[in-house]
Protein backbone atom coordinates (compact mmCIF):
# COMPACT_ATOMS: atom_id res chain seq x y z
CA MET A 1 121.67 116.08 82.83
CA GLN A 2 120.43 113.94 80.10
CA SER A 3 119.24 110.32 80.53
CA ASN A 4 119.68 107.72 77.75
CA ILE A 5 116.36 106.19 78.76
CA ARG A 6 113.36 107.68 76.97
CA LEU A 7 109.76 106.69 77.87
CA PRO A 8 106.58 108.22 76.51
CA HIS A 9 104.70 110.80 78.42
CA VAL A 10 102.96 109.51 81.42
CA PHE A 11 99.41 110.14 79.80
CA ILE A 12 100.47 108.20 76.77
CA PHE A 13 101.93 105.43 78.89
CA LEU A 14 98.76 105.11 80.91
CA PHE A 15 96.60 105.16 77.90
CA PHE A 16 98.69 102.38 76.48
CA ILE A 17 98.10 100.35 79.54
CA ILE A 18 94.35 101.06 79.18
CA VAL A 19 94.54 99.74 75.55
CA SER A 20 96.57 96.77 76.65
CA CYS A 21 94.08 95.89 79.36
CA SER A 22 91.32 96.32 76.85
CA ILE A 23 93.13 93.64 74.51
CA LEU A 24 93.59 91.39 77.50
CA SER A 25 89.76 91.58 78.05
CA TYR A 26 89.36 89.27 74.86
CA LEU A 27 92.21 86.98 75.93
CA VAL A 28 91.88 86.62 79.72
CA PRO A 29 88.86 84.67 80.88
CA SER A 30 86.23 86.71 82.55
CA GLY A 31 85.24 85.70 86.12
CA ILE A 32 83.99 87.17 89.39
CA TYR A 33 84.26 86.72 93.14
CA GLU A 34 81.40 87.06 95.48
CA ARG A 35 81.74 90.09 97.84
CA GLN A 36 80.05 90.87 101.11
CA LYS A 37 79.80 93.96 103.24
CA LYS A 38 81.64 94.00 106.58
CA VAL A 39 82.20 96.93 109.01
CA ILE A 40 85.69 96.96 110.07
CA ASN A 41 87.13 99.68 112.23
CA LYS A 42 83.88 101.50 111.85
CA VAL A 43 84.30 101.58 108.09
CA GLU A 44 82.09 99.58 105.71
CA GLN A 45 84.25 97.37 103.43
CA SER A 46 83.37 95.32 100.35
CA VAL A 47 85.26 92.03 101.08
CA VAL A 48 86.10 89.31 98.56
CA VAL A 49 84.72 85.86 99.63
CA SER A 50 87.58 83.38 99.40
CA GLY A 51 86.83 80.41 97.24
CA SER A 52 83.81 81.99 95.46
CA TYR A 53 85.54 82.65 92.21
CA ARG A 54 83.62 81.51 89.08
CA GLU A 55 84.18 82.05 85.30
CA ILE A 56 81.78 84.11 83.30
CA PRO A 57 81.22 83.39 79.56
CA LYS A 58 82.10 86.18 77.11
CA HIS A 59 79.82 87.67 74.54
CA ILE A 60 81.90 88.88 71.46
CA SER A 61 80.27 90.66 68.53
CA LEU A 62 81.20 93.14 65.84
CA LYS A 63 78.99 95.68 67.49
CA GLY A 64 80.48 94.96 70.94
CA ILE A 65 84.00 95.45 69.52
CA LEU A 66 83.09 98.98 68.27
CA LEU A 67 80.47 100.12 70.75
CA GLU A 68 78.59 98.00 73.33
CA ASP A 69 76.61 94.86 73.10
CA SER A 70 75.68 93.51 76.40
CA VAL A 71 74.00 90.22 76.98
CA GLU A 72 72.64 89.00 80.26
CA GLY A 73 74.73 86.50 82.12
CA HIS A 74 77.81 87.24 80.00
CA ALA A 75 80.84 89.39 80.24
CA GLU A 76 81.51 92.09 77.64
CA PRO A 77 85.05 92.63 76.38
CA THR A 78 86.04 96.33 76.25
CA SER A 79 84.85 98.07 73.05
CA VAL A 80 86.75 100.85 71.29
CA PHE A 81 84.15 103.32 72.62
CA SER A 82 84.58 101.92 76.17
CA VAL A 83 88.26 102.68 75.96
CA LEU A 84 87.57 106.28 75.30
CA THR A 85 84.85 106.55 78.00
CA SER A 86 87.10 104.94 80.51
CA VAL A 87 89.04 108.15 80.93
CA PRO A 88 86.16 110.59 81.67
CA LYS A 89 84.70 107.82 83.96
CA GLY A 90 87.90 107.67 85.81
CA LEU A 91 87.92 111.49 86.16
CA GLN A 92 84.45 111.35 87.50
CA GLN A 93 85.11 108.62 90.07
CA SER A 94 88.09 110.39 91.27
CA ALA A 95 86.72 113.94 91.47
CA SER A 96 87.12 114.42 95.17
CA LEU A 97 90.61 113.12 95.09
CA ILE A 98 91.62 115.20 92.09
CA PHE A 99 90.34 118.42 93.77
CA PHE A 100 92.22 117.54 96.96
CA ILE A 101 95.51 117.23 95.01
CA PHE A 102 94.72 120.48 93.34
CA MET A 103 94.12 122.17 96.61
CA ILE A 104 97.39 120.79 98.20
CA GLY A 105 99.32 122.24 95.28
CA ALA A 106 97.68 125.64 95.44
CA VAL A 107 97.98 126.08 99.18
CA PHE A 108 101.71 125.00 99.35
CA ASN A 109 102.61 127.13 96.39
CA ILE A 110 101.25 130.22 98.33
CA ILE A 111 103.33 129.24 101.34
CA VAL A 112 106.56 128.79 99.23
CA ALA A 113 105.81 132.22 97.56
CA THR A 114 106.04 133.92 101.06
CA ASN A 115 109.45 132.65 101.25
CA THR A 116 108.67 131.21 104.75
CA ILE A 117 110.52 127.94 104.12
CA HIS A 118 113.58 129.72 102.64
CA ALA A 119 113.66 132.21 105.56
CA PHE A 120 113.38 129.52 108.11
CA LEU A 121 116.28 127.50 106.54
CA SER A 122 118.35 130.73 106.38
CA GLU A 123 117.84 131.42 110.01
CA LEU A 124 118.95 127.86 110.94
CA ILE A 125 122.11 128.26 108.96
CA LYS A 126 122.97 131.50 110.83
CA ARG A 127 122.30 130.08 114.22
CA PHE A 128 124.20 126.78 113.79
CA GLN A 129 127.21 127.92 111.87
CA ARG A 130 129.54 126.52 114.52
CA LYS A 131 127.66 123.23 114.86
CA PRO A 132 127.35 122.01 111.29
CA VAL A 133 126.59 118.36 112.01
CA PHE A 134 123.77 119.29 114.31
CA LEU A 135 122.49 121.71 111.63
CA PHE A 136 122.73 118.86 109.00
CA PHE A 137 120.82 116.57 111.19
CA LEU A 138 118.20 119.19 111.98
CA ILE A 139 117.72 119.99 108.28
CA TYR A 140 117.58 116.29 107.48
CA VAL A 141 114.80 115.68 110.10
CA LEU A 142 112.85 118.78 109.06
CA VAL A 143 112.88 117.71 105.29
CA SER A 144 112.08 114.07 105.94
CA THR A 145 109.31 115.10 108.35
CA GLY A 146 107.81 117.50 105.78
CA SER A 147 107.81 114.75 103.19
CA ALA A 148 106.50 111.98 105.45
CA PHE A 149 103.73 114.08 107.08
CA MET A 150 102.77 116.60 104.42
CA GLY A 151 103.93 115.05 101.19
CA ILE A 152 106.48 117.88 100.49
CA TYR A 153 108.52 116.82 97.57
CA ILE A 154 108.94 118.86 94.44
CA GLU A 155 108.74 122.02 96.51
CA LEU A 156 112.24 121.37 97.94
CA ILE A 157 114.06 121.48 94.61
CA PRO A 158 114.89 125.25 94.93
CA LEU A 159 116.74 124.48 98.14
CA ILE A 160 119.23 122.10 96.67
CA PRO A 161 121.72 124.76 95.57
CA ILE A 162 121.93 126.32 99.07
CA LEU A 163 122.42 122.90 100.73
CA ILE A 164 125.23 122.25 98.19
CA VAL A 165 126.99 125.52 99.17
CA LEU A 166 126.33 124.80 102.82
CA ALA A 167 128.13 121.42 102.45
CA LYS A 168 131.11 123.09 100.55
CA GLN A 169 131.44 125.77 103.17
CA ASN A 170 131.86 123.01 105.77
CA GLY A 171 134.47 120.96 103.95
CA TYR A 172 132.15 118.48 102.26
CA ASP A 173 131.48 117.81 98.61
CA ARG A 174 128.52 118.49 96.19
CA MET A 175 127.18 114.95 96.64
CA PHE A 176 126.87 115.46 100.42
CA GLY A 177 125.02 118.64 99.95
CA PHE A 178 122.74 117.21 97.19
CA ALA A 179 122.06 114.18 99.24
CA LEU A 180 121.34 116.24 102.40
CA GLY A 181 118.13 117.44 100.53
CA VAL A 182 117.29 114.59 98.34
CA LEU A 183 117.80 111.61 100.61
CA PRO A 184 115.48 112.74 103.41
CA VAL A 185 112.84 113.72 100.83
CA PHE A 186 112.65 110.12 99.50
CA VAL A 187 113.12 108.45 102.94
CA GLY A 188 110.17 110.53 104.32
CA TRP A 189 108.01 109.93 101.30
CA SER A 190 108.74 106.22 101.51
CA THR A 191 107.71 105.80 105.14
CA ALA A 192 104.65 108.08 104.50
CA THR A 193 103.52 108.58 108.10
CA THR A 194 100.52 110.72 107.07
CA ASN A 195 101.53 111.51 103.36
CA PRO A 196 98.34 112.77 101.76
CA PHE A 197 99.57 111.73 98.27
CA THR A 198 100.27 108.08 99.12
CA VAL A 199 99.08 106.44 102.27
CA GLN A 200 95.90 108.47 102.62
CA ILE A 201 94.96 107.80 98.98
CA ALA A 202 95.82 104.10 99.36
CA GLN A 203 93.83 103.86 102.52
CA GLN A 204 90.79 105.49 100.95
CA ILE A 205 90.95 103.05 98.09
CA ALA A 206 91.35 100.13 100.56
CA GLU A 207 88.39 101.34 102.61
CA LEU A 208 90.42 101.87 105.67
CA PRO A 209 90.22 104.75 108.10
CA ILE A 210 92.48 107.54 106.87
CA GLY A 211 95.48 107.77 109.17
CA SER A 212 94.91 104.33 110.64
CA GLY A 213 97.93 102.26 111.46
CA ILE A 214 100.16 105.19 112.07
CA GLY A 215 102.10 103.71 114.92
CA LEU A 216 104.11 101.16 112.90
CA ARG A 217 104.74 103.71 110.10
CA LEU A 218 105.98 106.29 112.61
CA ILE A 219 108.49 103.66 114.04
CA VAL A 220 109.75 102.79 110.52
CA PHE A 221 109.93 106.52 109.74
CA MET A 222 112.27 107.09 112.72
CA VAL A 223 114.49 104.04 112.03
CA ALA A 224 114.80 105.01 108.34
CA ILE A 225 115.77 108.71 109.38
CA PHE A 226 118.63 107.46 111.35
CA MET A 227 119.80 104.85 108.78
CA GLY A 228 119.84 107.51 106.04
CA PHE A 229 121.47 110.30 108.03
CA PHE A 230 124.30 108.09 109.51
CA TYR A 231 124.92 106.71 106.05
CA LEU A 232 125.15 110.28 104.60
CA LEU A 233 127.38 111.45 107.62
CA ARG A 234 129.72 108.45 107.16
CA TYR A 235 130.21 109.31 103.43
CA GLY A 236 130.75 113.02 104.37
CA LYS A 237 133.35 112.27 106.96
CA ARG A 238 135.25 110.02 104.82
CA VAL A 239 135.36 112.57 101.95
CA LYS A 240 136.22 115.30 104.35
CA ASN A 241 139.08 113.25 105.91
CA GLY A 242 140.46 112.27 102.49
CA THR A 243 139.87 108.52 103.12
CA LYS A 244 137.37 108.35 100.31
CA ALA A 245 137.38 109.99 96.84
CA SER A 246 134.63 112.46 96.22
CA LEU A 247 131.89 111.10 93.82
CA THR A 248 131.32 114.61 92.30
CA ASP A 249 133.23 117.35 90.67
CA SER A 250 134.05 120.91 91.87
CA LEU A 251 131.30 123.11 93.02
CA GLY A 252 130.92 125.24 90.04
CA GLU A 253 128.75 128.34 89.99
CA THR A 254 125.69 128.31 92.17
CA ASN A 255 123.44 131.31 92.89
CA VAL A 256 122.45 131.43 96.49
CA GLU A 257 121.46 135.05 96.86
CA GLN A 258 117.75 134.37 96.63
CA ILE A 259 117.94 132.17 99.81
CA GLU A 260 120.78 133.70 101.80
CA ASN A 261 119.21 137.20 101.82
CA VAL A 262 115.73 136.10 103.07
CA LYS A 263 115.28 137.17 106.68
CA LEU A 264 112.87 135.47 109.04
CA THR A 265 110.14 137.93 109.88
CA LYS A 266 107.12 138.02 112.10
CA ILE A 267 105.02 137.25 109.05
CA HIS A 268 107.02 134.11 108.34
CA LEU A 269 106.71 132.98 111.91
CA ARG A 270 102.88 133.51 111.83
CA ILE A 271 102.60 131.56 108.71
CA LEU A 272 104.63 128.77 110.22
CA VAL A 273 102.30 128.70 113.28
CA VAL A 274 99.40 128.57 111.01
CA LEU A 275 100.90 125.75 108.93
CA ILE A 276 101.88 123.66 111.95
CA LEU A 277 98.64 124.18 113.95
CA GLY A 278 96.46 123.88 110.84
CA TYR A 279 98.05 120.64 109.64
CA GLY A 280 98.10 119.29 113.16
CA GLY A 281 94.44 120.08 113.49
CA ILE A 282 93.54 118.34 110.24
CA LEU A 283 95.57 115.20 111.28
CA SER A 284 93.73 115.26 114.65
CA ALA A 285 90.31 115.53 112.94
CA VAL A 286 91.25 112.68 110.65
CA GLN A 287 92.28 110.48 113.57
CA PHE A 288 89.48 111.44 116.13
CA MET A 289 86.61 112.98 114.06
CA GLY A 290 86.55 110.70 111.09
CA TRP A 291 87.41 113.38 108.49
CA GLY A 292 87.82 112.25 104.96
CA ILE A 293 89.11 113.72 101.82
CA ILE A 294 86.51 116.39 101.35
CA GLU A 295 86.89 117.71 104.92
CA MET A 296 90.78 117.59 104.55
CA THR A 297 90.38 119.63 101.44
CA ALA A 298 88.40 122.22 103.34
CA GLY A 299 91.04 122.25 106.03
CA PHE A 300 93.80 122.90 103.57
CA LEU A 301 91.72 125.69 101.92
CA ALA A 302 91.47 127.30 105.28
CA ILE A 303 95.24 127.19 105.80
CA GLY A 304 95.58 128.83 102.34
CA ILE A 305 93.16 131.59 103.18
CA ALA A 306 94.90 132.31 106.48
CA THR A 307 98.32 132.44 104.78
CA ILE A 308 96.95 134.94 102.26
CA LEU A 309 95.58 137.15 104.95
CA ILE A 310 98.91 137.03 106.97
CA SER A 311 101.18 137.44 104.01
CA GLY A 312 99.89 140.82 102.92
CA PHE A 313 99.53 139.62 99.30
CA SER A 314 96.97 141.62 97.27
CA GLY A 315 94.04 139.76 95.92
CA ASP A 316 95.71 139.56 92.41
CA GLU A 317 98.99 138.42 93.78
CA ALA A 318 97.42 135.76 96.03
CA MET A 319 95.38 134.41 93.11
CA MET A 320 98.40 134.35 90.87
CA HIS A 321 100.20 132.08 93.30
CA PHE A 322 97.10 130.07 93.90
CA VAL A 323 96.54 129.49 90.12
CA ASN A 324 100.21 128.71 89.66
CA GLY A 325 99.92 126.09 92.34
CA LEU A 326 96.93 124.63 90.63
CA LYS A 327 98.80 124.51 87.28
CA SER A 328 101.79 122.70 88.95
CA MET A 329 99.31 119.92 89.96
CA ILE A 330 97.48 119.56 86.60
CA VAL A 331 99.44 116.49 85.55
CA PRO A 332 99.49 114.72 88.94
CA ALA A 333 95.89 115.32 89.54
CA LEU A 334 94.81 114.21 86.01
CA ILE A 335 97.02 111.15 86.28
CA VAL A 336 94.72 110.03 89.16
CA GLY A 337 91.67 110.05 86.83
CA VAL A 338 93.38 108.56 83.83
CA ALA A 339 94.92 105.78 85.99
CA ARG A 340 91.48 105.01 87.38
CA GLY A 341 90.47 104.32 83.83
CA ILE A 342 92.74 101.18 83.91
CA SER A 343 90.78 99.62 86.83
CA ILE A 344 87.44 100.65 85.12
CA VAL A 345 88.33 98.69 81.96
CA MET A 346 89.33 95.67 84.08
CA GLN A 347 86.27 95.74 86.14
CA GLU A 348 83.73 96.32 83.35
CA SER A 349 85.24 93.48 81.32
CA MET A 350 85.30 91.32 84.47
CA ILE A 351 88.98 90.30 84.24
CA MET A 352 90.20 91.97 87.37
CA ASP A 353 88.88 89.10 89.57
CA THR A 354 90.43 86.56 87.22
CA ILE A 355 93.85 88.37 87.62
CA LEU A 356 93.31 88.26 91.35
CA TYR A 357 92.53 84.60 91.16
CA GLY A 358 95.77 84.01 89.42
CA PHE A 359 97.85 86.10 91.83
CA SER A 360 96.19 84.59 94.86
CA SER A 361 96.65 80.99 93.55
CA ALA A 362 100.33 81.70 92.95
CA LEU A 363 100.89 83.30 96.41
CA SER A 364 98.45 81.22 98.48
CA ALA A 365 100.89 78.26 98.61
CA LEU A 366 103.66 80.54 100.10
CA PRO A 367 103.93 81.62 103.78
CA LYS A 368 102.11 84.81 104.45
CA SER A 369 105.33 86.69 105.10
CA ILE A 370 106.70 85.60 101.67
CA ALA A 371 103.42 86.51 99.98
CA ALA A 372 103.51 89.97 101.56
CA ILE A 373 107.10 90.42 100.32
CA GLY A 374 105.84 89.37 96.92
CA MET A 375 103.39 92.27 97.04
CA LEU A 376 106.27 94.55 97.96
CA VAL A 377 108.32 93.41 95.00
CA PHE A 378 105.32 93.79 92.67
CA GLN A 379 104.75 97.50 93.75
CA SER A 380 108.53 98.35 93.45
CA PHE A 381 108.37 96.79 89.87
CA LEU A 382 105.21 98.79 88.94
CA ASN A 383 106.74 102.02 90.06
CA PHE A 384 109.29 101.84 87.24
CA PHE A 385 106.48 102.03 84.79
CA ILE A 386 104.02 104.39 86.87
CA PRO A 387 106.29 106.66 88.85
CA SER A 388 103.29 108.81 89.92
CA ALA A 389 102.39 107.74 93.44
CA SER A 390 98.73 108.63 93.19
CA GLY A 391 98.46 107.13 89.80
CA GLN A 392 100.08 103.92 90.96
CA ALA A 393 97.82 103.77 93.83
CA LEU A 394 94.74 103.91 91.49
CA VAL A 395 96.23 101.13 89.34
CA SER A 396 97.50 98.77 91.99
CA MET A 397 95.43 99.17 95.15
CA PRO A 398 92.14 97.96 93.47
CA LEU A 399 94.01 94.68 92.94
CA MET A 400 96.14 94.56 96.13
CA THR A 401 93.15 95.24 98.38
CA PRO A 402 91.08 92.15 97.46
CA LEU A 403 94.31 90.14 97.10
CA SER A 404 95.17 90.84 100.74
CA ASP A 405 91.71 89.57 101.66
CA LEU A 406 92.15 86.39 99.60
CA LEU A 407 95.59 85.73 101.20
CA GLY A 408 94.32 86.41 104.81
CA LEU A 409 96.44 89.42 105.13
CA SER A 410 95.37 92.78 106.70
CA ARG A 411 94.58 95.51 104.18
CA GLN A 412 97.03 97.68 106.06
CA ILE A 413 99.75 95.19 104.90
CA ALA A 414 98.62 95.80 101.37
CA VAL A 415 99.01 99.64 101.97
CA LEU A 416 102.40 99.12 103.44
CA ALA A 417 103.50 97.13 100.44
CA TYR A 418 102.32 100.00 98.11
CA VAL A 419 103.84 102.72 100.29
CA PHE A 420 107.26 101.07 100.58
CA GLY A 421 107.23 99.82 96.99
CA ASP A 422 106.38 103.20 95.50
CA GLY A 423 108.70 105.11 97.85
CA PHE A 424 112.15 103.48 98.21
CA SER A 425 112.40 102.63 94.57
CA ASN A 426 112.15 106.27 93.74
CA LEU A 427 115.73 106.61 94.86
CA ILE A 428 117.05 104.71 91.83
CA ILE A 429 114.47 104.47 89.01
CA PRO A 430 115.37 106.54 85.94
CA THR A 431 111.73 107.12 85.15
CA ASN A 432 111.20 109.28 88.20
CA GLY A 433 110.95 112.78 86.63
CA ILE A 434 111.39 114.56 89.97
CA LEU A 435 114.56 112.73 90.78
CA LEU A 436 115.91 113.65 87.35
CA ALA A 437 114.90 117.34 87.86
CA MET A 438 116.72 117.23 91.16
CA LEU A 439 119.85 115.81 89.61
CA GLY A 440 119.68 118.50 86.99
CA VAL A 441 119.48 121.27 89.57
CA GLY A 442 122.22 119.78 91.60
CA LYS A 443 124.45 119.03 88.62
CA VAL A 444 124.99 115.44 89.81
CA PRO A 445 125.28 112.75 87.08
CA PHE A 446 122.72 109.89 87.40
CA ASN A 447 125.42 107.15 87.41
CA LYS A 448 127.39 108.77 90.20
CA TRP A 449 123.99 109.20 92.22
CA ILE A 450 123.42 105.49 91.78
CA ARG A 451 126.89 104.69 93.11
CA PHE A 452 126.22 106.78 96.12
CA VAL A 453 122.72 105.79 96.96
CA PHE A 454 122.49 102.08 95.96
CA PRO A 455 123.95 100.76 99.35
CA ILE A 456 121.44 102.67 101.39
CA PHE A 457 118.67 101.78 99.03
CA ILE A 458 119.31 98.02 99.66
CA ALA A 459 119.41 98.68 103.40
CA LEU A 460 116.11 100.56 103.33
CA MET A 461 114.50 97.76 101.19
CA MET A 462 115.67 95.25 103.75
CA LEU A 463 114.05 97.53 106.44
CA ALA A 464 110.83 97.38 104.36
CA VAL A 465 111.05 93.52 104.03
CA ALA A 466 111.56 93.19 107.84
CA THR A 467 108.67 95.50 108.47
CA MET A 468 106.31 93.49 106.26
CA SER A 469 107.32 90.34 108.11
CA VAL A 470 106.86 91.94 111.49
CA SER A 471 103.50 93.38 110.50
CA ILE A 472 102.18 89.88 109.86
CA ILE A 473 103.55 88.63 113.24
CA ILE A 474 101.94 91.39 115.28
CA GLY A 475 98.68 91.32 113.42
CA TYR A 476 99.06 94.84 111.95
CA LYS A 477 95.66 96.38 111.22
C-alpha cells in the first residue's frame, strides 16, 4: 500500500526540529523559573515555583553564533556548534534508557524466534474452532494485554495474515481479521498499563515512581478493551449477516503454513512460564522494591538468558537472534537520544521556561479539566509529527511536567495526557510507520481502514477526555 503523504525520515525530522528550536532561541525571549526540590511519593522532584518566572537578557555575538560565547548573567542563543553537540549530549543523557530499549528488542526477538507466540495462538485456534466468538475475544484480550503491559507492538505484524484467514474461515471479511490483530494492539498501547516504551519512560522523565498510578490506567484499559471488541464484533456480525457491505475485497492469497504447522511443545510452555513469571516479577519489583530502568534492564536480560537455555539454541543461533533484535531497535533507541537533543537546545538557550510561561498563561485562566484536555489535544497533535512514542516522550514530557506543576495539576495527569495522546491517535495518523506496515501486510487500503476505525477512535478519545476530567476530580496522583 502506498501513501500519498511523504515526510522526511524521522532523524531528519527531529534534526529539523532541533534547528528550528535553535532559531527560536534568537527570537523567543529567554527566561527562567525558580525550582525547588521536594520529595513526593519517596521520589525527589525538581518542582517549578509558580509566579517566579523572570526574563534573562540575551548575549548575541558572531563568536556565539558559530561556537560559544557565554557572559555571566545572560542567556546564550544556540550556536551552530551547539546544534551539533546537542545530539551526542542527548545520547549521553539517555544512555540507560537507550540500553533498556535495546534489551527489550533483543529479548523479545529471541522469544519470537522460538515460535512460542505462534504455537500458542495455533493451539488456541485448534481448541476453540467451535466457539469462534470466544476465541476472537481471547485473542483480542491477549493481544491488548501484551501491548498494554509489555509494549508488544511490531512483533504482532507476522500474525496478521493468520488472523485474516481465521476470520474468513468463520464467515467474516478481511477487515474483521485485520482489525482483530491491529485494534487491540493500539487499544492496549494507548492505555499503557505498564508499557515500558510509554508510561514508564514518561514517569521517569516526570520524576514519578515507575508503575505508579496503575489503578486508574487498569480501569481505562478494561473499559477500552470492551469498547473496541464490541465495536469489532458488531461490524463482523453485520457483514456476516449481510446487513452491511464489507469494506474490503476478497481474501486473496495468504500464506499461513508457517503459523498453522507450529505445534505447542513443552519448550514453548516453559518459555511462556518464564516470560509470565519473569515479567510479573519485574513489575512486582518495580512496584514494591523501587526498581528503576537499570534494574528492569537486568530483569529482561535474565528472561532472555533463561529463554536461550530452554530453547536449545546454540550459542551462535542465540546471538544471531539477539543481534537481530538489537538491530530492530536501532532506530527507536537512537530516536530517544536525538529527541533529547531538542530539550537540551531549549534548556541551554533558556527558552523552555518562556514557552512554559506562555502555555501556563494561556491555560491558567481555564478550568483545570479544560486545561488537562488541552494537554491531551497538544499530545495528539504532536504525535502526527513525532510518531515515535519514546521520542515524543523526550520532546513533550520535559515541557508537560513543569506545566502541570504551574497549573496545579498532578504530574500523573501530564503522563496520562501523553499516554492517551500518543496512543489513540496512532489509529489514524498516516505518519505512523507501524500502522502503514500492518496495512501493507494485511492488504487493507488506508482510506478503508479510516472508514472502519474512525467511529471507535472518536469513542476512545471521548473516553480519554472523560478520564482526564475524572482524574482531576479524584485527585489522581
